[in-house]
Amino acid sequence: MIVVLELFPHAGGMAHQYAPLSRRLRGLCAGYGAEVDIRVADYRADGPARDVQQIARSCAEELARGDGPVVLAGHSLGAFVAYETALLLAPTSGTLSLVVSGQVAPQLHRGGSLHLASDEALVEELTRVDGGNRELFADAQMRSAFLPSIRDDYRLVETYTPSEPGAPLQRIVAVKGDRDGELDVHTMALWRRHARQWCGPIIVPGSHMHHLNPRGHLAEILTGEVFRCLTRPVPETA
């Protein structure tokens, strides 16, 4: 049986940034004898999205074509996209696990207006979150190439309104970097209200961008979820 593992990027995240993590995941899963189909969600596959739910619908339609276990893993903006995708898949899915990282529970989301700010203000925020962005955006060509799509990602997350949750999801795992100053364990712990099975928040070494470290603990957590999907039955409805 093949497990589909779909990764949902952070705001401004690009597929190539997730290639090292994907390679590590394939190696770890192979060590367990697990077959895994790793995908990275493309938020602009159908052009600019109106909202998070539009992206989720597209992802859910693609995933619904399969009949095997599914693990959805999202960081920051990606946590909300993964969550909305899980809500759509849940009524008809078999085994489904959601892993969220670096994001508050949906009911705590308060939006923002950074997507309306100047380029300078947006770059300042991106550099604050990840110092590696300083060199990238110092180049005028790189700034003009990447900043518009990053701004649009910020629009998606800052204007996000959660869908009505319905029945709790089968399983949610929440992960937080121990040096992530963007949120605390209490706001992440409220994800439990959306799950029948709950694990977390799991505290791992790293900053807000810990998920991009292929040698970090997130890869092991995701591998564990893949293995769980293959060895444990679908949770019974409460």
C-alpha atoms as a PDB file:
ATOM      1  CA  MET A   1       0.000   0.000   0.000  1.00  0.00           C
ATOM      2  CA  ILE A   2       1.258   3.467  -0.902  1.00  0.00           C
ATOM      3  CA  VAL A   3       0.831   6.397   1.507  1.00  0.00           C
ATOM      4  CA  VAL A   4       0.438   9.846  -0.033  1.00  0.00           C
ATOM      5  CA  LEU A   5       2.339  12.504   1.924  1.00  0.00           C
ATOM      6  CA  GLU A   6       1.544  16.016   0.745  1.00  0.00           C
ATOM      7  CA  LEU A   7       3.616  18.956   1.998  1.00  0.00           C
ATOM      8  CA  PHE A   8       1.994  22.402   2.140  1.00  0.00           C
ATOM      9  CA  PRO A   9       4.581  25.229   2.023  1.00  0.00           C
ATOM     10  CA  HIS A  10       4.862  28.331   4.172  1.00  0.00           C
ATOM     11  CA  ALA A  11       4.147  31.781   2.722  1.00  0.00           C
ATOM     12  CA  GLY A  12       6.713  32.317  -0.009  1.00  0.00           C
ATOM     13  CA  GLY A  13       7.754  28.662   0.111  1.00  0.00           C
ATOM     14  CA  MET A  14       8.834  27.060  -3.148  1.00  0.00           C
ATOM     15  CA  ALA A  15       9.004  23.421  -4.188  1.00  0.00           C
ATOM     16  CA  HIS A  16      12.807  23.350  -4.461  1.00  0.00           C
ATOM     17  CA  GLN A  17      13.106  24.357  -0.786  1.00  0.00           C
ATOM     18  CA  TYR A  18      11.338  21.123   0.149  1.00  0.00           C
ATOM     19  CA  ALA A  19      13.490  18.860  -2.057  1.00  0.00           C
ATOM     20  CA  PRO A  20      16.054  18.053   0.707  1.00  0.00           C
ATOM     21  CA  LEU A  21      13.257  17.199   3.151  1.00  0.00           C
ATOM     22  CA  SER A  22      11.551  15.038   0.520  1.00  0.00           C
ATOM     23  CA  ARG A  23      14.765  13.107  -0.138  1.00  0.00           C
ATOM     24  CA  ARG A  24      15.268  12.462   3.578  1.00  0.00           C
ATOM     25  CA  LEU A  25      11.672  11.344   3.967  1.00  0.00           C
ATOM     26  CA  ARG A  26      12.007   8.861   1.122  1.00  0.00           C
ATOM     27  CA  GLY A  27      15.123   7.430   2.738  1.00  0.00           C
ATOM     28  CA  LEU A  28      13.540   7.157   6.177  1.00  0.00           C
ATOM     29  CA  CYS A  29      10.341   5.603   4.837  1.00  0.00           C
ATOM     30  CA  ALA A  30      12.296   3.081   2.778  1.00  0.00           C
ATOM     31  CA  GLY A  31      14.052   2.045   5.976  1.00  0.00           C
ATOM     32  CA  TYR A  32      10.637   1.061   7.358  1.00  0.00           C
ATOM     33  CA  GLY A  33       9.728  -0.713   4.145  1.00  0.00           C
ATOM     34  CA  ALA A  34       7.018   1.879   3.488  1.00  0.00           C
ATOM     35  CA  GLU A  35       6.119   3.097   0.010  1.00  0.00           C
ATOM     36  CA  VAL A  36       5.379   6.790  -0.017  1.00  0.00           C
ATOM     37  CA  ASP A  37       4.271   9.238  -2.714  1.00  0.00           C
ATOM     38  CA  ILE A  38       5.624  12.639  -1.607  1.00  0.00           C
ATOM     39  CA  ARG A  39       4.062  15.730  -3.153  1.00  0.00           C
ATOM     40  CA  VAL A  40       4.503  19.466  -2.606  1.00  0.00           C
ATOM     41  CA  ALA A  41       1.319  21.498  -3.032  1.00  0.00           C
ATOM     42  CA  ASP A  42       1.464  24.164  -5.748  1.00  0.00           C
ATOM     43  CA  TYR A  43      -0.652  27.101  -4.620  1.00  0.00           C
ATOM     44  CA  ARG A  44      -0.637  28.627  -8.127  1.00  0.00           C
ATOM     45  CA  ALA A  45      -1.249  25.532 -10.229  1.00  0.00           C
ATOM     46  CA  ASP A  46      -4.506  27.092 -11.458  1.00  0.00           C
ATOM     47  CA  GLY A  47      -3.328  30.711 -11.338  1.00  0.00           C
ATOM     48  CA  PRO A  48      -3.614  33.121  -8.392  1.00  0.00           C
ATOM     49  CA  ALA A  49      -6.011  31.747  -5.778  1.00  0.00           C
ATOM     50  CA  ARG A  50      -8.914  33.726  -4.384  1.00  0.00           C
ATOM     51  CA  ASP A  51      -8.506  32.249  -0.916  1.00  0.00           C
ATOM     52  CA  VAL A  52      -7.106  29.327   1.083  1.00  0.00           C
ATOM     53  CA  GLN A  53     -10.263  27.294   0.490  1.00  0.00           C
ATOM     54  CA  GLN A  54      -9.823  27.467  -3.286  1.00  0.00           C
ATOM     55  CA  ILE A  55      -6.359  25.921  -3.002  1.00  0.00           C
ATOM     56  CA  ALA A  56      -7.708  23.295  -0.601  1.00  0.00           C
ATOM     57  CA  ARG A  57     -10.461  22.302  -3.018  1.00  0.00           C
ATOM     58  CA  SER A  58      -7.944  21.773  -5.806  1.00  0.00           C
ATOM     59  CA  CYS A  59      -5.672  19.683  -3.561  1.00  0.00           C
ATOM     60  CA  ALA A  60      -8.572  17.649  -2.188  1.00  0.00           C
ATOM     61  CA  GLU A  61      -9.896  16.858  -5.656  1.00  0.00           C
ATOM     62  CA  GLU A  62      -6.514  15.469  -6.661  1.00  0.00           C
ATOM     63  CA  LEU A  63      -6.053  13.477  -3.463  1.00  0.00           C
ATOM     64  CA  ALA A  64      -9.587  12.053  -3.626  1.00  0.00           C
ATOM     65  CA  ARG A  65      -8.637  10.195  -6.826  1.00  0.00           C
ATOM     66  CA  GLY A  66      -6.616   7.777  -4.703  1.00  0.00           C
ATOM     67  CA  ASP A  67      -7.870   5.298  -2.140  1.00  0.00           C
ATOM     68  CA  GLY A  68      -4.859   4.865   0.156  1.00  0.00           C
ATOM     69  CA  PRO A  69      -3.846   6.538   3.439  1.00  0.00           C
ATOM     70  CA  VAL A  70      -3.051  10.248   3.327  1.00  0.00           C
ATOM     71  CA  VAL A  71      -0.758  12.397   5.483  1.00  0.00           C
ATOM     72  CA  LEU A  72      -1.102  16.174   5.096  1.00  0.00           C
ATOM     73  CA  ALA A  73       1.691  18.319   6.532  1.00  0.00           C
ATOM     74  CA  GLY A  74       1.653  22.114   6.487  1.00  0.00           C
ATOM     75  CA  HIS A  75       3.754  24.882   7.998  1.00  0.00           C
ATOM     76  CA  SER A  76       2.477  28.394   8.782  1.00  0.00           C
ATOM     77  CA  LEU A  77       0.206  29.303   5.814  1.00  0.00           C
ATOM     78  CA  GLY A  78       0.521  25.662   4.792  1.00  0.00           C
ATOM     79  CA  ALA A  79      -1.005  24.521   8.091  1.00  0.00           C
ATOM     80  CA  PHE A  80      -4.253  26.288   7.218  1.00  0.00           C
ATOM     81  CA  VAL A  81      -4.262  24.975   3.635  1.00  0.00           C
ATOM     82  CA  ALA A  82      -3.611  21.436   4.894  1.00  0.00           C
ATOM     83  CA  TYR A  83      -6.360  21.800   7.511  1.00  0.00           C
ATOM     84  CA  GLU A  84      -8.928  22.996   4.959  1.00  0.00           C
ATOM     85  CA  THR A  85      -7.911  20.143   2.654  1.00  0.00           C
ATOM     86  CA  ALA A  86      -8.390  17.671   5.498  1.00  0.00           C
ATOM     87  CA  LEU A  87     -11.885  19.033   6.189  1.00  0.00           C
ATOM     88  CA  LEU A  88     -12.841  18.318   2.580  1.00  0.00           C
ATOM     89  CA  LEU A  89     -11.323  14.831   2.534  1.00  0.00           C
ATOM     90  CA  ALA A  90     -12.561  13.731   5.961  1.00  0.00           C
ATOM     91  CA  PRO A  91     -16.163  12.703   5.113  1.00  0.00           C
ATOM     92  CA  THR A  92     -15.058  10.088   2.567  1.00  0.00           C
ATOM     93  CA  SER A  93     -11.429   9.361   3.411  1.00  0.00           C
ATOM     94  CA  GLY A  94      -9.887   6.237   4.865  1.00  0.00           C
ATOM     95  CA  THR A  95      -6.862   6.842   7.072  1.00  0.00           C
ATOM     96  CA  LEU A  96      -6.059  10.561   7.249  1.00  0.00           C
ATOM     97  CA  SER A  97      -3.448  12.297   9.408  1.00  0.00           C
ATOM     98  CA  LEU A  98      -2.822  16.052   9.635  1.00  0.00           C
ATOM     99  CA  VAL A  99       0.519  17.453  10.816  1.00  0.00           C
ATOM    100  CA  VAL A 100       0.565  21.203  11.504  1.00  0.00           C
ATOM    101  CA  SER A 101       3.643  23.258  12.266  1.00  0.00           C
ATOM    102  CA  GLY A 102       4.322  26.884  13.119  1.00  0.00           C
ATOM    103  CA  GLN A 103       0.701  28.028  13.226  1.00  0.00           C
ATOM    104  CA  VAL A 104      -1.993  28.794  15.784  1.00  0.00           C
ATOM    105  CA  ALA A 105      -5.252  26.870  15.818  1.00  0.00           C
ATOM    106  CA  PRO A 106      -7.719  28.188  13.204  1.00  0.00           C
ATOM    107  CA  GLN A 107     -10.125  29.687  15.734  1.00  0.00           C
ATOM    108  CA  LEU A 108      -7.322  31.930  17.049  1.00  0.00           C
ATOM    109  CA  HIS A 109      -6.341  33.383  13.678  1.00  0.00           C
ATOM    110  CA  ARG A 110      -6.694  37.155  13.633  1.00  0.00           C
ATOM    111  CA  GLY A 111      -5.445  38.079  10.160  1.00  0.00           C
ATOM    112  CA  GLY A 112      -3.193  41.011   9.326  1.00  0.00           C
ATOM    113  CA  SER A 113      -2.356  43.697   6.799  1.00  0.00           C
ATOM    114  CA  LEU A 114       1.293  43.135   5.917  1.00  0.00           C
ATOM    115  CA  HIS A 115       0.265  42.134   2.378  1.00  0.00           C
ATOM    116  CA  LEU A 116      -0.814  45.774   1.919  1.00  0.00           C
ATOM    117  CA  ALA A 117       2.472  47.219   3.206  1.00  0.00           C
ATOM    118  CA  SER A 118       5.361  48.612   1.187  1.00  0.00           C
ATOM    119  CA  ASP A 119       8.000  46.344  -0.351  1.00  0.00           C
ATOM    120  CA  GLU A 120      10.481  47.597   2.238  1.00  0.00           C
ATOM    121  CA  ALA A 121       8.198  46.694   5.144  1.00  0.00           C
ATOM    122  CA  LEU A 122       7.515  43.248   3.681  1.00  0.00           C
ATOM    123  CA  VAL A 123      11.214  42.549   3.142  1.00  0.00           C
ATOM    124  CA  GLU A 124      11.951  43.702   6.702  1.00  0.00           C
ATOM    125  CA  GLU A 125       9.434  41.180   8.059  1.00  0.00           C
ATOM    126  CA  LEU A 126      10.735  38.364   5.861  1.00  0.00           C
ATOM    127  CA  THR A 127      14.265  39.077   7.043  1.00  0.00           C
ATOM    128  CA  ARG A 128      13.143  39.135  10.667  1.00  0.00           C
ATOM    129  CA  VAL A 129      11.593  35.685  10.338  1.00  0.00           C
ATOM    130  CA  ASP A 130      14.492  34.238   8.352  1.00  0.00           C
ATOM    131  CA  GLY A 131      17.805  36.083   8.268  1.00  0.00           C
ATOM    132  CA  GLY A 132      18.760  34.215   5.106  1.00  0.00           C
ATOM    133  CA  ASN A 133      16.310  36.394   3.191  1.00  0.00           C
ATOM    134  CA  ARG A 134      18.486  39.472   3.672  1.00  0.00           C
ATOM    135  CA  GLU A 135      20.939  38.527   0.924  1.00  0.00           C
ATOM    136  CA  LEU A 136      18.178  37.273  -1.385  1.00  0.00           C
ATOM    137  CA  PHE A 137      16.209  40.517  -1.335  1.00  0.00           C
ATOM    138  CA  ALA A 138      19.267  42.732  -1.548  1.00  0.00           C
ATOM    139  CA  ASP A 139      19.304  41.760  -5.240  1.00  0.00           C
ATOM    140  CA  ALA A 140      16.787  43.926  -7.131  1.00  0.00           C
ATOM    141  CA  GLN A 141      16.097  41.241  -9.739  1.00  0.00           C
ATOM    142  CA  MET A 142      15.441  38.598  -7.105  1.00  0.00           C
ATOM    143  CA  ARG A 143      13.188  41.000  -5.237  1.00  0.00           C
ATOM    144  CA  SER A 144      11.077  41.717  -8.315  1.00  0.00           C
ATOM    145  CA  ALA A 145      10.940  38.020  -9.191  1.00  0.00           C
ATOM    146  CA  PHE A 146       9.833  36.650  -5.822  1.00  0.00           C
ATOM    147  CA  LEU A 147       8.214  39.435  -3.811  1.00  0.00           C
ATOM    148  CA  PRO A 148       4.874  39.544  -5.708  1.00  0.00           C
ATOM    149  CA  SER A 149       4.125  35.854  -5.065  1.00  0.00           C
ATOM    150  CA  ILE A 150       5.228  36.145  -1.436  1.00  0.00           C
ATOM    151  CA  ARG A 151       2.963  39.162  -0.983  1.00  0.00           C
ATOM    152  CA  ASP A 152       0.089  37.141  -2.426  1.00  0.00           C
ATOM    153  CA  ASP A 153       0.802  34.307   0.022  1.00  0.00           C
ATOM    154  CA  TYR A 154       0.634  36.812   2.864  1.00  0.00           C
ATOM    155  CA  ARG A 155      -2.692  37.994   1.472  1.00  0.00           C
ATOM    156  CA  LEU A 156      -3.981  34.414   1.585  1.00  0.00           C
ATOM    157  CA  VAL A 157      -3.011  33.832   5.200  1.00  0.00           C
ATOM    158  CA  GLU A 158      -3.913  37.313   6.478  1.00  0.00           C
ATOM    159  CA  THR A 159      -7.406  37.246   4.927  1.00  0.00           C
ATOM    160  CA  TYR A 160      -8.084  33.609   5.828  1.00  0.00           C
ATOM    161  CA  THR A 161     -11.415  32.832   7.475  1.00  0.00           C
ATOM    162  CA  PRO A 162     -11.666  29.242   8.723  1.00  0.00           C
ATOM    163  CA  SER A 163     -14.436  27.027   7.395  1.00  0.00           C
ATOM    164  CA  GLU A 164     -16.967  25.524   9.769  1.00  0.00           C
ATOM    165  CA  PRO A 165     -15.092  22.519  11.194  1.00  0.00           C
ATOM    166  CA  GLY A 166     -17.837  19.887  11.308  1.00  0.00           C
ATOM    167  CA  ALA A 167     -16.857  16.580  12.932  1.00  0.00           C
ATOM    168  CA  PRO A 168     -13.355  16.368  14.462  1.00  0.00           C
ATOM    169  CA  LEU A 169     -10.624  15.087  12.154  1.00  0.00           C
ATOM    170  CA  GLN A 170      -9.175  11.615  12.678  1.00  0.00           C
ATOM    171  CA  ARG A 171      -5.767  12.737  13.925  1.00  0.00           C
ATOM    172  CA  ILE A 172      -3.768  15.948  14.301  1.00  0.00           C
ATOM    173  CA  VAL A 173      -0.115  16.285  15.285  1.00  0.00           C
ATOM    174  CA  ALA A 174       1.171  19.772  16.165  1.00  0.00           C
ATOM    175  CA  VAL A 175       4.868  20.685  15.983  1.00  0.00           C
ATOM    176  CA  LYS A 176       6.700  23.795  17.240  1.00  0.00           C
ATOM    177  CA  GLY A 177      10.331  24.868  17.091  1.00  0.00           C
ATOM    178  CA  ASP A 178      11.788  25.557  20.537  1.00  0.00           C
ATOM    179  CA  ARG A 179      13.138  28.920  19.302  1.00  0.00           C
ATOM    180  CA  ASP A 180      10.001  29.889  17.389  1.00  0.00           C
ATOM    181  CA  GLY A 181       8.980  33.209  18.877  1.00  0.00           C
ATOM    182  CA  GLU A 182       6.008  33.561  16.529  1.00  0.00           C
ATOM    183  CA  LEU A 183       3.689  31.486  18.740  1.00  0.00           C
ATOM    184  CA  ASP A 184       3.514  29.602  22.025  1.00  0.00           C
ATOM    185  CA  VAL A 185       2.569  26.085  23.032  1.00  0.00           C
ATOM    186  CA  HIS A 186      -0.813  27.181  24.403  1.00  0.00           C
ATOM    187  CA  THR A 187      -2.057  28.564  21.084  1.00  0.00           C
ATOM    188  CA  MET A 188      -0.837  25.467  19.271  1.00  0.00           C
ATOM    189  CA  ALA A 189      -2.422  23.155  21.844  1.00  0.00           C
ATOM    190  CA  LEU A 190      -5.885  24.394  20.850  1.00  0.00           C
ATOM    191  CA  TRP A 191      -5.584  22.418  17.608  1.00  0.00           C
ATOM    192  CA  ARG A 192      -6.717  19.509  19.793  1.00  0.00           C
ATOM    193  CA  ARG A 193     -10.304  20.759  19.572  1.00  0.00           C
ATOM    194  CA  HIS A 194     -10.327  19.701  15.915  1.00  0.00           C
ATOM    195  CA  ALA A 195      -9.123  16.112  16.408  1.00  0.00           C
ATOM    196  CA  ARG A 196     -10.343  12.758  17.665  1.00  0.00           C
ATOM    197  CA  GLN A 197      -6.725  11.721  18.162  1.00  0.00           C
ATOM    198  CA  TRP A 198      -4.287  14.411  19.274  1.00  0.00           C
ATOM    199  CA  CYS A 199      -0.523  14.535  19.664  1.00  0.00           C
ATOM    200  CA  GLY A 200       1.415  17.609  20.732  1.00  0.00           C
ATOM    201  CA  PRO A 201       2.527  20.166  20.703  1.00  0.00           C
ATOM    202  CA  ILE A 202       5.783  18.360  19.976  1.00  0.00           C
ATOM    203  CA  ILE A 203       8.696  20.716  20.655  1.00  0.00           C
ATOM    204  CA  VAL A 204      11.628  20.262  18.294  1.00  0.00           C
ATOM    205  CA  PRO A 205      14.963  22.102  18.008  1.00  0.00           C
ATOM    206  CA  GLY A 206      14.856  25.092  15.706  1.00  0.00           C
ATOM    207  CA  SER A 207      13.375  28.477  14.860  1.00  0.00           C
ATOM    208  CA  HIS A 208      10.133  29.275  13.060  1.00  0.00           C
ATOM    209  CA  MET A 209      11.718  27.857   9.891  1.00  0.00           C
ATOM    210  CA  HIS A 210      12.756  24.556  11.494  1.00  0.00           C
ATOM    211  CA  HIS A 211      10.704  22.632   8.927  1.00  0.00           C
ATOM    212  CA  LEU A 212      13.214  23.317   6.144  1.00  0.00           C
ATOM    213  CA  ASN A 213      16.022  21.481   7.948  1.00  0.00           C
ATOM    214  CA  PRO A 214      16.118  18.017   6.321  1.00  0.00           C
ATOM    215  CA  ARG A 215      18.070  16.663   9.315  1.00  0.00           C
ATOM    216  CA  GLY A 216      15.557  18.068  11.775  1.00  0.00           C
ATOM    217  CA  HIS A 217      12.997  16.174  13.795  1.00  0.00           C
ATOM    218  CA  LEU A 218      10.053  16.973  11.506  1.00  0.00           C
ATOM    219  CA  ALA A 219      11.219  14.370   8.989  1.00  0.00           C
ATOM    220  CA  GLU A 220      11.153  11.702  11.704  1.00  0.00           C
ATOM    221  CA  ILE A 221       7.703  12.811  12.878  1.00  0.00           C
ATOM    222  CA  LEU A 222       6.310  12.619   9.348  1.00  0.00           C
ATOM    223  CA  THR A 223       7.892   9.217   8.805  1.00  0.00           C
ATOM    224  CA  GLY A 224       6.214   8.064  11.997  1.00  0.00           C
ATOM    225  CA  GLU A 225       2.845   9.235  10.670  1.00  0.00           C
ATOM    226  CA  VAL A 226       3.386   7.355   7.400  1.00  0.00           C
ATOM    227  CA  PHE A 227       4.226   4.189   9.340  1.00  0.00           C
ATOM    228  CA  ARG A 228       1.219   4.693  11.631  1.00  0.00           C
ATOM    229  CA  CYS A 229      -1.072   4.919   8.603  1.00  0.00           C
ATOM    230  CA  LEU A 230       0.147   1.522   7.437  1.00  0.00           C
ATOM    231  CA  THR A 231      -0.042  -0.270  10.767  1.00  0.00           C
ATOM    232  CA  ARG A 232      -3.018   1.184  12.652  1.00  0.00           C
ATOM    233  CA  PRO A 233      -6.721   1.129  11.729  1.00  0.00           C
ATOM    234  CA  VAL A 234      -8.846   4.172  11.066  1.00  0.00           C
ATOM    235  CA  PRO A 235      -9.964   5.595  14.457  1.00  0.00           C
ATOM    236  CA  GLU A 236     -13.562   4.886  15.350  1.00  0.00           C
ATOM    237  CA  THR A 237     -15.969   7.781  15.401  1.00  0.00           C
ATOM    238  CA  ALA A 238     -16.587   9.060  18.914  1.00  0.00           C
END
